[in-house]
Every structure is written in structure tokens, then in C-alpha cells.
N, C-alpha and C. Protein backbone atom coordinates (compact mmCIF):
# COMPACT_ATOMS: atom_id res chain seq x y z
N MET A 1 131.95 132.08 100.00
CA MET A 1 131.66 131.83 101.41
C MET A 1 132.15 130.43 101.77
N LYS A 2 132.39 130.22 103.02
CA LYS A 2 132.89 128.93 103.48
C LYS A 2 131.78 127.88 103.51
N ASP A 3 132.16 126.66 103.74
CA ASP A 3 131.23 125.55 103.84
C ASP A 3 130.27 125.81 105.01
N PHE A 4 128.98 125.73 104.75
CA PHE A 4 127.99 126.06 105.79
C PHE A 4 128.14 125.19 107.03
N LYS A 5 128.62 123.96 106.87
CA LYS A 5 128.76 123.06 108.02
C LYS A 5 129.83 123.50 108.99
N ASP A 6 130.68 124.44 108.56
CA ASP A 6 131.72 124.98 109.43
C ASP A 6 131.27 126.19 110.24
N LEU A 7 130.09 126.72 109.92
CA LEU A 7 129.58 127.90 110.62
C LEU A 7 128.92 127.51 111.94
N LYS A 8 129.33 128.17 113.01
CA LYS A 8 128.74 127.88 114.32
C LYS A 8 127.24 128.16 114.33
N VAL A 9 126.81 129.20 113.61
CA VAL A 9 125.39 129.54 113.58
C VAL A 9 124.59 128.41 112.89
N TRP A 10 125.16 127.81 111.86
CA TRP A 10 124.47 126.69 111.20
C TRP A 10 124.39 125.51 112.16
N MET A 11 125.49 125.21 112.84
CA MET A 11 125.50 124.09 113.79
C MET A 11 124.43 124.28 114.86
N MET A 12 124.33 125.50 115.38
CA MET A 12 123.33 125.77 116.41
C MET A 12 121.92 125.69 115.83
N ALA A 13 121.72 126.21 114.63
CA ALA A 13 120.40 126.15 113.99
C ALA A 13 120.00 124.70 113.73
N HIS A 14 120.96 123.88 113.33
CA HIS A 14 120.69 122.46 113.10
C HIS A 14 120.30 121.78 114.42
N ARG A 15 120.99 122.13 115.50
CA ARG A 15 120.67 121.57 116.82
C ARG A 15 119.25 121.96 117.23
N VAL A 16 118.88 123.22 116.99
CA VAL A 16 117.52 123.68 117.29
C VAL A 16 116.50 122.84 116.52
N THR A 17 116.77 122.60 115.24
CA THR A 17 115.86 121.81 114.42
C THR A 17 115.69 120.40 114.97
N LEU A 18 116.78 119.78 115.35
CA LEU A 18 116.71 118.43 115.94
C LEU A 18 115.89 118.44 117.23
N ASP A 19 116.12 119.46 118.07
CA ASP A 19 115.37 119.58 119.32
C ASP A 19 113.88 119.82 119.06
N VAL A 20 113.58 120.64 118.06
CA VAL A 20 112.19 120.92 117.70
C VAL A 20 111.49 119.64 117.26
N TYR A 21 112.13 118.85 116.43
CA TYR A 21 111.53 117.59 115.97
C TYR A 21 111.27 116.66 117.15
N THR A 22 112.20 116.60 118.09
CA THR A 22 112.01 115.75 119.27
C THR A 22 110.84 116.24 120.12
N LEU A 23 110.79 117.54 120.38
CA LEU A 23 109.74 118.10 121.22
C LEU A 23 108.35 118.00 120.58
N THR A 24 108.28 118.20 119.29
CA THR A 24 106.96 118.21 118.64
C THR A 24 106.38 116.81 118.46
N LYS A 25 107.16 115.78 118.73
CA LYS A 25 106.61 114.41 118.69
C LYS A 25 105.51 114.23 119.73
N GLN A 26 105.57 115.03 120.79
CA GLN A 26 104.58 114.92 121.87
C GLN A 26 103.33 115.78 121.62
N PHE A 27 103.33 116.59 120.58
CA PHE A 27 102.18 117.44 120.28
C PHE A 27 100.98 116.59 119.90
N PRO A 28 99.78 117.13 120.11
CA PRO A 28 98.57 116.38 119.75
C PRO A 28 98.57 115.99 118.27
N ARG A 29 98.07 114.81 117.99
CA ARG A 29 98.05 114.28 116.62
C ARG A 29 97.28 115.21 115.67
N GLU A 30 96.23 115.85 116.18
CA GLU A 30 95.43 116.73 115.31
C GLU A 30 96.21 117.98 114.88
N GLU A 31 97.35 118.23 115.49
CA GLU A 31 98.19 119.38 115.11
C GLU A 31 99.29 119.00 114.12
N LEU A 32 99.31 117.74 113.69
CA LEU A 32 100.37 117.28 112.79
C LEU A 32 100.50 118.16 111.55
N TYR A 33 99.37 118.55 110.95
CA TYR A 33 99.41 119.38 109.74
C TYR A 33 99.18 120.86 110.04
N GLY A 34 99.13 121.18 111.32
CA GLY A 34 98.95 122.56 111.75
C GLY A 34 100.22 123.08 112.41
N LEU A 35 100.14 123.28 113.71
CA LEU A 35 101.24 123.89 114.44
C LEU A 35 102.52 123.05 114.40
N THR A 36 102.39 121.74 114.48
CA THR A 36 103.58 120.88 114.43
C THR A 36 104.34 121.11 113.12
N SER A 37 103.61 121.10 112.03
CA SER A 37 104.22 121.31 110.72
C SER A 37 104.84 122.70 110.62
N GLN A 38 104.14 123.72 111.09
CA GLN A 38 104.64 125.10 111.02
C GLN A 38 105.93 125.26 111.82
N ILE A 39 105.97 124.71 113.01
CA ILE A 39 107.15 124.82 113.87
C ILE A 39 108.33 124.10 113.22
N ARG A 40 108.08 122.91 112.70
CA ARG A 40 109.17 122.15 112.07
C ARG A 40 109.68 122.86 110.82
N ARG A 41 108.80 123.40 110.03
CA ARG A 41 109.22 124.11 108.81
C ARG A 41 110.02 125.36 109.15
N ALA A 42 109.56 126.13 110.12
CA ALA A 42 110.29 127.34 110.51
C ALA A 42 111.68 126.98 111.03
N ALA A 43 111.76 125.94 111.84
CA ALA A 43 113.06 125.53 112.40
C ALA A 43 114.01 125.07 111.31
N SER A 44 113.54 124.20 110.43
CA SER A 44 114.44 123.69 109.39
C SER A 44 114.79 124.77 108.37
N SER A 45 113.94 125.76 108.21
CA SER A 45 114.19 126.86 107.29
C SER A 45 115.41 127.68 107.71
N ILE A 46 115.66 127.78 108.99
CA ILE A 46 116.79 128.57 109.48
C ILE A 46 118.09 127.99 108.94
N ALA A 47 118.35 126.72 109.24
CA ALA A 47 119.59 126.08 108.80
C ALA A 47 119.65 125.94 107.28
N ALA A 48 118.50 125.65 106.65
CA ALA A 48 118.46 125.49 105.20
C ALA A 48 118.82 126.78 104.47
N ASN A 49 118.34 127.91 104.97
CA ASN A 49 118.65 129.18 104.32
C ASN A 49 120.09 129.61 104.55
N ILE A 50 120.65 129.28 105.69
CA ILE A 50 122.08 129.53 105.92
C ILE A 50 122.88 128.73 104.90
N ALA A 51 122.52 127.45 104.74
CA ALA A 51 123.23 126.59 103.79
C ALA A 51 123.09 127.12 102.37
N GLU A 52 121.88 127.48 101.98
CA GLU A 52 121.67 127.98 100.62
C GLU A 52 122.44 129.27 100.37
N GLY A 53 122.45 130.16 101.35
CA GLY A 53 123.21 131.40 101.21
C GLY A 53 124.69 131.14 101.00
N CYS A 54 125.22 130.15 101.70
CA CYS A 54 126.64 129.81 101.55
C CYS A 54 126.93 129.24 100.16
N GLY A 55 125.92 128.66 99.54
CA GLY A 55 126.10 128.09 98.22
C GLY A 55 126.00 129.10 97.10
N ARG A 56 125.64 130.31 97.42
CA ARG A 56 125.51 131.36 96.41
C ARG A 56 126.87 132.01 96.15
N ARG A 57 126.96 132.67 95.03
CA ARG A 57 128.24 133.25 94.59
C ARG A 57 128.50 134.66 95.12
N SER A 58 127.47 135.39 95.48
CA SER A 58 127.68 136.78 95.87
C SER A 58 127.35 137.01 97.35
N GLU A 59 127.96 138.04 97.90
CA GLU A 59 127.66 138.42 99.28
C GLU A 59 126.24 138.94 99.40
N GLY A 60 125.73 139.57 98.33
CA GLY A 60 124.35 140.05 98.33
C GLY A 60 123.36 138.90 98.48
N ASP A 61 123.60 137.82 97.75
CA ASP A 61 122.74 136.63 97.88
C ASP A 61 122.87 136.03 99.27
N MET A 62 124.11 135.95 99.75
CA MET A 62 124.34 135.41 101.09
C MET A 62 123.56 136.22 102.12
N ASN A 63 123.66 137.53 102.02
CA ASN A 63 122.97 138.42 102.95
C ASN A 63 121.46 138.19 102.90
N ARG A 64 120.91 138.06 101.69
CA ARG A 64 119.47 137.86 101.53
C ARG A 64 119.02 136.57 102.22
N PHE A 65 119.76 135.48 102.04
CA PHE A 65 119.38 134.22 102.66
C PHE A 65 119.59 134.24 104.17
N LEU A 66 120.58 134.96 104.65
CA LEU A 66 120.76 135.10 106.10
C LEU A 66 119.59 135.86 106.71
N ARG A 67 119.10 136.87 106.01
CA ARG A 67 117.94 137.63 106.49
C ARG A 67 116.68 136.75 106.50
N ILE A 68 116.53 135.90 105.50
CA ILE A 68 115.40 134.97 105.48
C ILE A 68 115.52 134.01 106.65
N ALA A 69 116.72 133.53 106.92
CA ALA A 69 116.95 132.63 108.05
C ALA A 69 116.58 133.31 109.37
N ARG A 70 116.95 134.58 109.49
CA ARG A 70 116.61 135.32 110.72
C ARG A 70 115.10 135.49 110.85
N GLY A 71 114.43 135.75 109.74
CA GLY A 71 112.97 135.83 109.76
C GLY A 71 112.34 134.52 110.20
N SER A 72 112.89 133.42 109.73
CA SER A 72 112.38 132.11 110.13
C SER A 72 112.60 131.87 111.63
N ALA A 73 113.71 132.37 112.16
CA ALA A 73 113.98 132.22 113.59
C ALA A 73 112.96 133.00 114.42
N VAL A 74 112.60 134.18 113.95
CA VAL A 74 111.58 134.97 114.66
C VAL A 74 110.22 134.28 114.55
N GLU A 75 109.92 133.74 113.37
CA GLU A 75 108.67 132.99 113.20
C GLU A 75 108.63 131.79 114.15
N LEU A 76 109.74 131.07 114.25
CA LEU A 76 109.81 129.92 115.16
C LEU A 76 109.57 130.36 116.59
N GLU A 77 110.15 131.47 116.98
CA GLU A 77 109.95 131.99 118.34
C GLU A 77 108.46 132.20 118.62
N TYR A 78 107.76 132.82 117.66
CA TYR A 78 106.32 133.02 117.86
C TYR A 78 105.57 131.70 117.99
N HIS A 79 105.86 130.76 117.10
CA HIS A 79 105.15 129.47 117.15
C HIS A 79 105.40 128.74 118.48
N MET A 80 106.58 128.92 119.04
CA MET A 80 106.87 128.30 120.34
C MET A 80 106.07 128.99 121.45
N ILE A 81 105.94 130.29 121.37
CA ILE A 81 105.10 131.01 122.34
C ILE A 81 103.67 130.48 122.26
N LEU A 82 103.17 130.33 121.04
CA LEU A 82 101.82 129.81 120.84
C LEU A 82 101.69 128.40 121.41
N ALA A 83 102.66 127.54 121.13
CA ALA A 83 102.63 126.17 121.65
C ALA A 83 102.64 126.15 123.17
N ARG A 84 103.44 127.03 123.77
CA ARG A 84 103.45 127.12 125.24
C ARG A 84 102.10 127.58 125.77
N ASP A 85 101.56 128.63 125.15
CA ASP A 85 100.29 129.18 125.60
C ASP A 85 99.12 128.22 125.40
N LEU A 86 99.26 127.30 124.46
CA LEU A 86 98.25 126.26 124.24
C LEU A 86 98.54 125.00 125.07
N SER A 87 99.53 125.09 125.96
CA SER A 87 99.94 124.00 126.86
C SER A 87 100.46 122.78 126.12
N MET A 88 101.06 122.99 124.95
CA MET A 88 101.69 121.90 124.22
C MET A 88 103.17 121.79 124.59
N LEU A 89 103.72 122.87 125.11
CA LEU A 89 105.11 122.91 125.55
C LEU A 89 105.15 123.35 127.00
N GLY A 90 105.91 122.63 127.80
CA GLY A 90 106.10 123.04 129.18
C GLY A 90 107.03 124.24 129.27
N GLU A 91 107.00 124.93 130.37
CA GLU A 91 107.80 126.15 130.54
C GLU A 91 109.30 125.87 130.43
N ALA A 92 109.77 124.77 131.01
CA ALA A 92 111.20 124.46 130.95
C ALA A 92 111.64 124.16 129.51
N GLU A 93 110.84 123.37 128.80
CA GLU A 93 111.15 123.07 127.39
C GLU A 93 111.13 124.35 126.56
N PHE A 94 110.11 125.16 126.79
CA PHE A 94 109.95 126.42 126.08
C PHE A 94 111.17 127.31 126.31
N ARG A 95 111.55 127.49 127.56
CA ARG A 95 112.65 128.39 127.91
C ARG A 95 113.95 127.92 127.25
N LYS A 96 114.21 126.62 127.30
CA LYS A 96 115.45 126.09 126.70
C LYS A 96 115.48 126.38 125.20
N LEU A 97 114.40 126.12 124.53
CA LEU A 97 114.33 126.32 123.09
C LEU A 97 114.38 127.80 122.71
N VAL A 98 113.67 128.63 123.45
CA VAL A 98 113.68 130.07 123.17
C VAL A 98 115.08 130.64 123.37
N ASP A 99 115.78 130.16 124.39
CA ASP A 99 117.15 130.63 124.61
C ASP A 99 118.05 130.25 123.43
N GLN A 100 117.87 129.03 122.91
CA GLN A 100 118.65 128.59 121.76
C GLN A 100 118.33 129.45 120.53
N VAL A 101 117.06 129.68 120.29
CA VAL A 101 116.64 130.46 119.13
C VAL A 101 117.13 131.89 119.25
N ASP A 102 117.08 132.45 120.44
CA ASP A 102 117.58 133.81 120.67
C ASP A 102 119.07 133.88 120.34
N ALA A 103 119.82 132.87 120.74
CA ALA A 103 121.26 132.84 120.43
C ALA A 103 121.48 132.77 118.92
N VAL A 104 120.68 131.97 118.23
CA VAL A 104 120.79 131.87 116.77
C VAL A 104 120.47 133.23 116.14
N GLN A 105 119.44 133.90 116.62
CA GLN A 105 119.08 135.21 116.09
C GLN A 105 120.24 136.20 116.24
N ARG A 106 120.85 136.21 117.41
CA ARG A 106 121.97 137.12 117.65
C ARG A 106 123.16 136.78 116.74
N MET A 107 123.43 135.49 116.58
CA MET A 107 124.54 135.08 115.71
C MET A 107 124.26 135.45 114.25
N LEU A 108 123.01 135.29 113.83
CA LEU A 108 122.65 135.66 112.46
C LEU A 108 122.79 137.16 112.24
N THR A 109 122.36 137.94 113.22
CA THR A 109 122.49 139.39 113.12
C THR A 109 123.96 139.78 112.98
N ALA A 110 124.81 139.18 113.78
CA ALA A 110 126.25 139.49 113.71
C ALA A 110 126.83 139.07 112.35
N LEU A 111 126.42 137.92 111.85
CA LEU A 111 126.92 137.46 110.55
C LEU A 111 126.42 138.35 109.42
N ILE A 112 125.17 138.77 109.50
CA ILE A 112 124.62 139.69 108.50
C ILE A 112 125.43 140.99 108.49
N GLN A 113 125.72 141.50 109.66
CA GLN A 113 126.50 142.74 109.76
C GLN A 113 127.90 142.55 109.18
N ARG A 114 128.47 141.39 109.43
CA ARG A 114 129.82 141.11 108.91
C ARG A 114 129.79 141.03 107.38
N VAL A 115 128.78 140.35 106.85
CA VAL A 115 128.65 140.23 105.39
C VAL A 115 128.41 141.59 104.75
N GLU A 116 127.60 142.40 105.41
CA GLU A 116 127.32 143.75 104.89
C GLU A 116 128.50 144.69 105.04
N GLY A 117 129.44 144.32 105.90
CA GLY A 117 130.59 145.19 106.12
C GLY A 117 130.29 146.36 107.02
N THR A 118 129.21 146.28 107.81
CA THR A 118 128.82 147.40 108.66
C THR A 118 129.15 147.16 110.12
N ARG A 119 129.83 146.08 110.41
CA ARG A 119 130.14 145.78 111.80
C ARG A 119 131.03 146.88 112.39
N ASP A 120 130.67 147.35 113.55
CA ASP A 120 131.41 148.37 114.28
C ASP A 120 131.50 149.71 113.54
N VAL A 121 130.62 149.94 112.58
CA VAL A 121 130.57 151.21 111.88
C VAL A 121 129.34 151.96 112.36
N PRO A 122 129.49 153.16 112.91
CA PRO A 122 128.32 153.91 113.38
C PRO A 122 127.34 154.15 112.23
N GLN A 123 126.05 154.14 112.53
CA GLN A 123 125.01 154.31 111.53
C GLN A 123 125.19 155.58 110.73
N THR A 124 125.55 156.68 111.38
CA THR A 124 125.71 157.95 110.67
C THR A 124 126.85 157.87 109.66
N GLU A 125 127.90 157.15 110.00
CA GLU A 125 129.02 156.99 109.08
C GLU A 125 128.60 156.15 107.87
N THR A 126 127.79 155.13 108.10
CA THR A 126 127.30 154.29 107.01
C THR A 126 126.45 155.11 106.05
N VAL A 127 125.55 155.93 106.60
CA VAL A 127 124.69 156.78 105.77
C VAL A 127 125.53 157.78 104.99
N ALA A 128 126.52 158.38 105.64
CA ALA A 128 127.39 159.35 104.97
C ALA A 128 128.15 158.68 103.84
N ARG A 129 128.64 157.47 104.06
CA ARG A 129 129.37 156.74 103.05
C ARG A 129 128.47 156.45 101.85
N GLN A 130 127.22 156.07 102.11
CA GLN A 130 126.29 155.79 101.03
C GLN A 130 126.02 157.05 100.23
N GLY A 131 125.88 158.19 100.88
CA GLY A 131 125.64 159.45 100.21
C GLY A 131 126.82 159.83 99.30
N ARG A 132 128.04 159.63 99.78
CA ARG A 132 129.23 159.92 98.97
C ARG A 132 129.29 159.01 97.77
N ALA A 133 128.92 157.75 97.95
CA ALA A 133 128.96 156.80 96.84
C ALA A 133 127.97 157.19 95.75
N ARG A 134 126.80 157.69 96.14
CA ARG A 134 125.78 158.09 95.16
C ARG A 134 126.22 159.32 94.38
N SER A 135 126.90 160.26 95.07
CA SER A 135 127.27 161.50 94.42
C SER A 135 128.53 161.35 93.57
N ALA A 136 129.24 160.25 93.72
CA ALA A 136 130.49 160.05 92.94
C ALA A 136 130.24 159.58 91.55
């Protein structure tokens, strides 16, 4: 796999992490080891797992780490909803960050599909191919 720093999805995930750290500075001090920590960990996990996957030797490992990164992006989305609902994040800040995270999720999904080799392949064709491979 190529250098993770060259991937647009990593660049965007890194930007999200920087924005999350900036925004969470305003969170209540009593949340430092609670929601603040959870949000920061979920955000940094996205870019870190992309990087780790790129450092692996196999496409299977890469795929596994990309899926973990996508899971972290979904976790971050939930934590941001919680922060907004607890009035720790304003609606404009929330919307900007959620839009960024949504874009990262979509990019990760596309990259996962590319790594799996299933991009633009209908699901029924993929299943049929798997069945032929098992019977061979």
C-alpha cells in the first residue's frame, strides 16, 4: 500500500482530529476524562488505523484496519451528537464536524470496496464468484 500521508482520506481524518482537539478545549473540565477523552480517542483512531493499515503487508490487514477506522468514525459521530445534545457543542460547530466525518466515512467505504476488489461489482455477482471459488 502507498504511504498513508498521501491518502486523501487520511488527510481529511487528520484534519477532523485537529478540529476535534480545538473544539473540545471548550468542553467542561469535569469531562476531561469522560466525553472529551472519548471524542479525542475516536477521532485520532480514524487516522491512526488508516496509517497502521497502510503499514501492513497484506490487503486483508489493510481492509481490517480500514474497517476499524470506519467504526471509529461512526463512534465519533455518536459522541458528537451526545456533545451537541448536552449543549457542549453548538449547532454550527456540530454540523461542520459531522459533515467532515460523514465525508471520511464515505471515503473509507469507497477505499474498503477498492481494497476488497468489489467496487462496481453487483452483490449477486460477488456471491456467485465466491460460490464458484469454494466449489473449485
